[in-house]
PDB file of all heavy atoms in Angstrom:
ATOM      1  N   ALA A   1       0.832  -1.206   0.000  1.00  0.00           N
ATOM      2  CA  ALA A   1       0.000   0.000   0.000  1.00  0.00           C
ATOM      3  C   ALA A   1       0.864   1.252   0.000  1.00  0.00           C
ATOM      4  O   ALA A   1       0.582   2.227  -0.715  1.00  0.00           O
ATOM      5  CB  ALA A   1      -0.932  -0.006   1.214  1.00  0.00           C
ATOM      6  N   GLY A   2       1.946   1.255   0.790  1.00  0.00           N
ATOM      7  CA  GLY A   2       2.841   2.406   0.830  1.00  0.00           C
ATOM      8  C   GLY A   2       3.501   2.674  -0.510  1.00  0.00           C
ATOM      9  O   GLY A   2       3.623   3.823  -0.946  1.00  0.00           O
ATOM     10  N   LEU A   3       3.927   1.600  -1.193  1.00  0.00           N
ATOM     11  CA  LEU A   3       4.537   1.759  -2.512  1.00  0.00           C
ATOM     12  C   LEU A   3       3.524   2.287  -3.531  1.00  0.00           C
ATOM     13  O   LEU A   3       3.866   3.084  -4.413  1.00  0.00           O
ATOM     14  CB  LEU A   3       5.121   0.428  -2.987  1.00  0.00           C
ATOM     15  CG  LEU A   3       6.372  -0.043  -2.237  1.00  0.00           C
ATOM     16  CD1 LEU A   3       6.770  -1.436  -2.697  1.00  0.00           C
ATOM     17  CD2 LEU A   3       7.533   0.930  -2.447  1.00  0.00           C
ATOM     18  N   LEU A   4       2.274   1.849  -3.402  1.00  0.00           N
ATOM     19  CA  LEU A   4       1.232   2.357  -4.297  1.00  0.00           C
ATOM     20  C   LEU A   4       0.982   3.848  -4.052  1.00  0.00           C
ATOM     21  O   LEU A   4       0.704   4.599  -4.990  1.00  0.00           O
ATOM     22  CB  LEU A   4      -0.061   1.557  -4.109  1.00  0.00           C
ATOM     23  CG  LEU A   4      -0.032   0.123  -4.644  1.00  0.00           C
ATOM     24  CD1 LEU A   4      -1.316  -0.613  -4.263  1.00  0.00           C
ATOM     25  CD2 LEU A   4       0.144   0.112  -6.162  1.00  0.00           C
ATOM     26  N   VAL A   5       1.071   4.269  -2.779  1.00  0.00           N
ATOM     27  CA  VAL A   5       0.926   5.692  -2.472  1.00  0.00           C
ATOM     28  C   VAL A   5       2.052   6.491  -3.129  1.00  0.00           C
ATOM     29  O   VAL A   5       1.818   7.560  -3.705  1.00  0.00           O
ATOM     30  CB  VAL A   5       0.916   5.931  -0.955  1.00  0.00           C
ATOM     31  CG1 VAL A   5       0.934   7.430  -0.653  1.00  0.00           C
ATOM     32  CG2 VAL A   5      -0.314   5.302  -0.315  1.00  0.00           C
ATOM     33  N   VAL A   6       3.269   5.977  -3.038  1.00  0.00           N
ATOM     34  CA  VAL A   6       4.406   6.641  -3.689  1.00  0.00           C
ATOM     35  C   VAL A   6       4.149   6.778  -5.188  1.00  0.00           C
ATOM     36  O   VAL A   6       4.386   7.837  -5.781  1.00  0.00           O
ATOM     37  CB  VAL A   6       5.706   5.855  -3.432  1.00  0.00           C
ATOM     38  CG1 VAL A   6       6.850   6.414  -4.284  1.00  0.00           C
ATOM     39  CG2 VAL A   6       6.077   5.917  -1.953  1.00  0.00           C
ATOM     40  N   ALA A   7       3.638   5.703  -5.807  1.00  0.00           N
ATOM     41  CA  ALA A   7       3.340   5.749  -7.240  1.00  0.00           C
ATOM     42  C   ALA A   7       2.238   6.761  -7.538  1.00  0.00           C
ATOM     43  O   ALA A   7       2.330   7.536  -8.502  1.00  0.00           O
ATOM     44  CB  ALA A   7       2.926   4.358  -7.730  1.00  0.00           C
ATOM     45  N   CYS A   8       1.194   6.771  -6.700  1.00  0.00           N
ATOM     46  CA  CYS A   8       0.068   7.704  -6.911  1.00  0.00           C
ATOM     47  C   CYS A   8       0.521   9.147  -6.789  1.00  0.00           C
ATOM     48  O   CYS A   8       0.193   9.993  -7.638  1.00  0.00           O
ATOM     49  CB  CYS A   8      -1.047   7.418  -5.900  1.00  0.00           C
ATOM     50  SG  CYS A   8      -1.987   5.900  -6.205  1.00  0.00           S
ATOM     51  N   TRP A   9       1.269   9.471  -5.733  1.00  0.00           N
ATOM     52  CA  TRP A   9       1.682  10.856  -5.506  1.00  0.00           C
ATOM     53  C   TRP A   9       2.735  11.307  -6.527  1.00  0.00           C
ATOM     54  O   TRP A   9       2.739  12.454  -6.947  1.00  0.00           O
ATOM     55  CB  TRP A   9       2.199  11.029  -4.081  1.00  0.00           C
ATOM     56  CG  TRP A   9       1.095  11.124  -3.074  1.00  0.00           C
ATOM     57  CD1 TRP A   9      -0.199  10.711  -3.244  1.00  0.00           C
ATOM     58  CD2 TRP A   9       1.168  11.673  -1.765  1.00  0.00           C
ATOM     59  NE1 TRP A   9      -0.918  10.953  -2.099  1.00  0.00           N
ATOM     60  CE2 TRP A   9      -0.105  11.545  -1.178  1.00  0.00           C
ATOM     61  CE3 TRP A   9       2.191  12.235  -1.019  1.00  0.00           C
ATOM     62  CZ2 TRP A   9      -0.389  11.967   0.111  1.00  0.00           C
ATOM     63  CZ3 TRP A   9       1.918  12.668   0.265  1.00  0.00           C
ATOM     64  CH2 TRP A   9       0.635  12.537   0.830  1.00  0.00           C
ATOM     65  N   SER A  10       3.615  10.391  -6.909  1.00  0.00           N
ATOM     66  CA  SER A  10       4.594  10.747  -7.947  1.00  0.00           C
ATOM     67  C   SER A  10       3.889  10.974  -9.271  1.00  0.00           C
ATOM     68  O   SER A  10       4.196  11.923  -9.999  1.00  0.00           O
ATOM     69  CB  SER A  10       5.636   9.624  -8.078  1.00  0.00           C
ATOM     70  OG  SER A  10       6.309   9.411  -6.858  1.00  0.00           O
ATOM     71  N   GLY A  11       2.939  10.103  -9.592  1.00  0.00           N
ATOM     72  CA  GLY A  11       2.169  10.271 -10.812  1.00  0.00           C
ATOM     73  C   GLY A  11       1.363  11.557 -10.803  1.00  0.00           C
ATOM     74  O   GLY A  11       1.197  12.213 -11.833  1.00  0.00           O
ATOM     75  N   PHE A  12       0.860  11.932  -9.628  1.00  0.00           N
ATOM     76  CA  PHE A  12       0.122  13.192  -9.500  1.00  0.00           C
ATOM     77  C   PHE A  12       0.994  14.373  -9.904  1.00  0.00           C
ATOM     78  O   PHE A  12       0.545  15.277 -10.624  1.00  0.00           O
ATOM     79  CB  PHE A  12      -0.362  13.354  -8.056  1.00  0.00           C
ATOM     80  CG  PHE A  12      -0.833  14.739  -7.712  1.00  0.00           C
ATOM     81  CD1 PHE A  12      -2.058  15.199  -8.158  1.00  0.00           C
ATOM     82  CD2 PHE A  12      -0.042  15.591  -6.949  1.00  0.00           C
ATOM     83  CE1 PHE A  12      -2.496  16.493  -7.851  1.00  0.00           C
ATOM     84  CE2 PHE A  12      -0.465  16.866  -6.633  1.00  0.00           C
ATOM     85  CZ  PHE A  12      -1.697  17.324  -7.090  1.00  0.00           C
ATOM     86  N   ASN A  13       2.241  14.376  -9.435  1.00  0.00           N
ATOM     87  CA  ASN A  13       3.148  15.465  -9.794  1.00  0.00           C
ATOM     88  C   ASN A  13       3.355  15.535 -11.305  1.00  0.00           C
ATOM     89  O   ASN A  13       3.365  16.618 -11.904  1.00  0.00           O
ATOM     90  CB  ASN A  13       4.497  15.285  -9.097  1.00  0.00           C
ATOM     91  CG  ASN A  13       4.406  15.466  -7.590  1.00  0.00           C
ATOM     92  OD1 ASN A  13       3.507  16.125  -7.085  1.00  0.00           O
ATOM     93  ND2 ASN A  13       5.325  14.855  -6.866  1.00  0.00           N
ATOM     94  N   ILE A  14       3.517  14.374 -11.933  1.00  0.00           N
ATOM     95  CA  ILE A  14       3.794  14.333 -13.380  1.00  0.00           C
ATOM     96  C   ILE A  14       2.549  14.684 -14.186  1.00  0.00           C
ATOM     97  O   ILE A  14       2.599  15.489 -15.121  1.00  0.00           O
ATOM     98  CB  ILE A  14       4.324  12.934 -13.767  1.00  0.00           C
ATOM     99  CG1 ILE A  14       5.670  12.687 -13.085  1.00  0.00           C
ATOM    100  CG2 ILE A  14       4.460  12.809 -15.274  1.00  0.00           C
ATOM    101  CD1 ILE A  14       6.171  11.263 -13.188  1.00  0.00           C
ATOM    102  N   VAL A  15       1.406  14.070 -13.842  1.00  0.00           N
ATOM    103  CA  VAL A  15       0.163  14.312 -14.590  1.00  0.00           C
ATOM    104  C   VAL A  15      -0.274  15.776 -14.451  1.00  0.00           C
ATOM    105  O   VAL A  15      -0.728  16.394 -15.413  1.00  0.00           O
ATOM    106  CB  VAL A  15      -0.949  13.357 -14.109  1.00  0.00           C
ATOM    107  CG1 VAL A  15      -2.302  13.744 -14.713  1.00  0.00           C
ATOM    108  CG2 VAL A  15      -0.611  11.921 -14.489  1.00  0.00           C
ATOM    109  N   SER A  16      -0.119  16.343 -13.259  1.00  0.00           N
ATOM    110  CA  SER A  16      -0.512  17.739 -13.056  1.00  0.00           C
ATOM    111  C   SER A  16       0.391  18.688 -13.847  1.00  0.00           C
ATOM    112  O   SER A  16      -0.094  19.654 -14.463  1.00  0.00           O
ATOM    113  CB  SER A  16      -0.457  18.092 -11.562  1.00  0.00           C
ATOM    114  OG  SER A  16      -1.349  17.296 -10.822  1.00  0.00           O
ATOM    115  N   ARG A  17       1.675  18.432 -13.840  1.00  0.00           N
ATOM    116  CA  ARG A  17       2.601  19.257 -14.618  1.00  0.00           C
ATOM    117  C   ARG A  17       2.282  19.134 -16.107  1.00  0.00           C
ATOM    118  O   ARG A  17       2.286  20.131 -16.840  1.00  0.00           O
ATOM    119  CB  ARG A  17       4.039  18.810 -14.333  1.00  0.00           C
ATOM    120  CG  ARG A  17       5.100  19.494 -15.189  1.00  0.00           C
ATOM    121  CD  ARG A  17       5.200  20.975 -14.914  1.00  0.00           C
ATOM    122  NE  ARG A  17       6.388  21.538 -15.555  1.00  0.00           N
ATOM    123  CZ  ARG A  17       6.642  22.827 -15.655  1.00  0.00           C
ATOM    124  NH1 ARG A  17       5.790  23.709 -15.170  1.00  0.00           N
ATOM    125  NH2 ARG A  17       7.745  23.255 -16.243  1.00  0.00           N
ATOM    126  N   PHE A  18       1.966  17.926 -16.557  1.00  0.00           N
ATOM    127  CA  PHE A  18       1.588  17.705 -17.956  1.00  0.00           C
ATOM    128  C   PHE A  18       0.338  18.511 -18.302  1.00  0.00           C
ATOM    129  O   PHE A  18       0.233  19.120 -19.368  1.00  0.00           O
ATOM    130  CB  PHE A  18       1.342  16.218 -18.189  1.00  0.00           C
ATOM    131  CG  PHE A  18       0.786  15.898 -19.552  1.00  0.00           C
ATOM    132  CD1 PHE A  18       1.592  15.916 -20.665  1.00  0.00           C
ATOM    133  CD2 PHE A  18      -0.559  15.584 -19.703  1.00  0.00           C
ATOM    134  CE1 PHE A  18       1.073  15.623 -21.926  1.00  0.00           C
ATOM    135  CE2 PHE A  18      -1.090  15.292 -20.954  1.00  0.00           C
ATOM    136  CZ  PHE A  18      -0.267  15.308 -22.061  1.00  0.00           C
ATOM    137  N   GLY A  19      -0.622  18.543 -17.372  1.00  0.00           N
ATOM    138  CA  GLY A  19      -1.858  19.277 -17.614  1.00  0.00           C
ATOM    139  C   GLY A  19      -1.652  20.767 -17.716  1.00  0.00           C
ATOM    140  O   GLY A  19      -2.215  21.427 -18.595  1.00  0.00           O
ATOM    141  N   THR A  20      -0.829  21.324 -16.831  1.00  0.00           N
ATOM    142  CA  THR A  20      -0.625  22.780 -16.847  1.00  0.00           C
ATOM    143  C   THR A  20       0.278  23.220 -17.994  1.00  0.00           C
ATOM    144  O   THR A  20       0.256  24.390 -18.382  1.00  0.00           O
ATOM    145  CB  THR A  20      -0.017  23.268 -15.516  1.00  0.00           C
ATOM    146  OG1 THR A  20       1.209  22.547 -15.257  1.00  0.00           O
ATOM    147  CG2 THR A  20      -0.988  23.049 -14.372  1.00  0.00           C
ATOM    148  N   LYS A  21       1.075  22.299 -18.552  1.00  0.00           N
ATOM    149  CA  LYS A  21       1.893  22.644 -19.713  1.00  0.00           C
ATOM    150  C   LYS A  21       1.083  22.566 -21.000  1.00  0.00           C
ATOM    151  O   LYS A  21       1.531  23.009 -22.050  1.00  0.00           O
ATOM    152  CB  LYS A  21       3.095  21.695 -19.807  1.00  0.00           C
ATOM    153  CG  LYS A  21       4.147  21.922 -18.737  1.00  0.00           C
ATOM    154  CD  LYS A  21       5.287  20.942 -18.869  1.00  0.00           C
ATOM    155  CE  LYS A  21       6.125  21.209 -20.090  1.00  0.00           C
ATOM    156  NZ  LYS A  21       7.302  20.304 -20.174  1.00  0.00           N
ATOM    157  N   GLY A  22      -0.100  21.972 -20.934  1.00  0.00           N
ATOM    158  CA  GLY A  22      -0.963  21.871 -22.099  1.00  0.00           C
ATOM    159  C   GLY A  22      -2.032  22.951 -22.104  1.00  0.00           C
ATOM    160  O   GLY A  22      -1.760  24.128 -21.885  1.00  0.00           O
ATOM    161  N   LEU A  23      -3.268  22.532 -22.297  1.00  0.00           N
ATOM    162  CA  LEU A  23      -4.365  23.480 -22.409  1.00  0.00           C
ATOM    163  C   LEU A  23      -4.896  23.972 -21.077  1.00  0.00           C
ATOM    164  O   LEU A  23      -5.426  25.072 -20.972  1.00  0.00           O
ATOM    165  CB  LEU A  23      -5.527  22.833 -23.190  1.00  0.00           C
ATOM    166  CG  LEU A  23      -5.338  22.653 -24.695  1.00  0.00           C
ATOM    167  CD1 LEU A  23      -6.504  21.864 -25.266  1.00  0.00           C
ATOM    168  CD2 LEU A  23      -5.237  24.013 -25.376  1.00  0.00           C
ATOM    169  N   PHE A  24      -4.780  23.157 -20.035  1.00  0.00           N
ATOM    170  CA  PHE A  24      -5.525  23.420 -18.810  1.00  0.00           C
ATOM    171  C   PHE A  24      -4.907  24.541 -17.979  1.00  0.00           C
ATOM    172  O   PHE A  24      -3.682  24.666 -17.872  1.00  0.00           O
ATOM    173  CB  PHE A  24      -5.599  22.148 -17.950  1.00  0.00           C
ATOM    174  CG  PHE A  24      -6.304  21.016 -18.631  1.00  0.00           C
ATOM    175  CD1 PHE A  24      -5.616  19.865 -18.973  1.00  0.00           C
ATOM    176  CD2 PHE A  24      -7.656  21.096 -18.930  1.00  0.00           C
ATOM    177  CE1 PHE A  24      -6.256  18.817 -19.599  1.00  0.00           C
ATOM    178  CE2 PHE A  24      -8.310  20.050 -19.552  1.00  0.00           C
ATOM    179  CZ  PHE A  24      -7.608  18.906 -19.904  1.00  0.00           C
ATOM    180  N   THR A  25      -5.782  25.323 -17.367  1.00  0.00           N
ATOM    181  CA  THR A  25      -5.352  26.276 -16.346  1.00  0.00           C
ATOM    182  C   THR A  25      -5.329  25.549 -14.997  1.00  0.00           C
ATOM    183  O   THR A  25      -5.940  24.475 -14.849  1.00  0.00           O
ATOM    184  CB  THR A  25      -6.327  27.455 -16.247  1.00  0.00           C
ATOM    185  OG1 THR A  25      -7.580  26.986 -15.699  1.00  0.00           O
ATOM    186  CG2 THR A  25      -6.567  28.083 -17.604  1.00  0.00           C
ATOM    187  N   PRO A  26      -4.632  26.109 -13.997  1.00  0.00           N
ATOM    188  CA  PRO A  26      -4.701  25.501 -12.660  1.00  0.00           C
ATOM    189  C   PRO A  26      -6.134  25.391 -12.141  1.00  0.00           C
ATOM    190  O   PRO A  26      -6.472  24.443 -11.425  1.00  0.00           O
ATOM    191  CB  PRO A  26      -3.869  26.465 -11.802  1.00  0.00           C
ATOM    192  CG  PRO A  26      -2.940  27.122 -12.764  1.00  0.00           C
ATOM    193  CD  PRO A  26      -3.700  27.239 -14.046  1.00  0.00           C
ATOM    194  N   PHE A  27      -6.983  26.332 -12.529  1.00  0.00           N
ATOM    195  CA  PHE A  27      -8.374  26.306 -12.078  1.00  0.00           C
ATOM    196  C   PHE A  27      -9.155  25.164 -12.726  1.00  0.00           C
ATOM    197  O   PHE A  27     -10.073  24.614 -12.122  1.00  0.00           O
ATOM    198  CB  PHE A  27      -9.029  27.656 -12.386  1.00  0.00           C
ATOM    199  CG  PHE A  27      -8.270  28.828 -11.851  1.00  0.00           C
ATOM    200  CD1 PHE A  27      -7.637  29.715 -12.705  1.00  0.00           C
ATOM    201  CD2 PHE A  27      -8.160  29.036 -10.480  1.00  0.00           C
ATOM    202  CE1 PHE A  27      -6.917  30.795 -12.210  1.00  0.00           C
ATOM    203  CE2 PHE A  27      -7.450  30.117  -9.971  1.00  0.00           C
ATOM    204  CZ  PHE A  27      -6.835  30.991 -10.842  1.00  0.00           C
TER     205      PHE A  27
END
């Protein structure tokens, strides 16, 4: 479960950065 959390939170950082570099605003 802890390793899955690491994967989820790391993926969150990457997916969010990908989103803000594309079309999406932070809002």
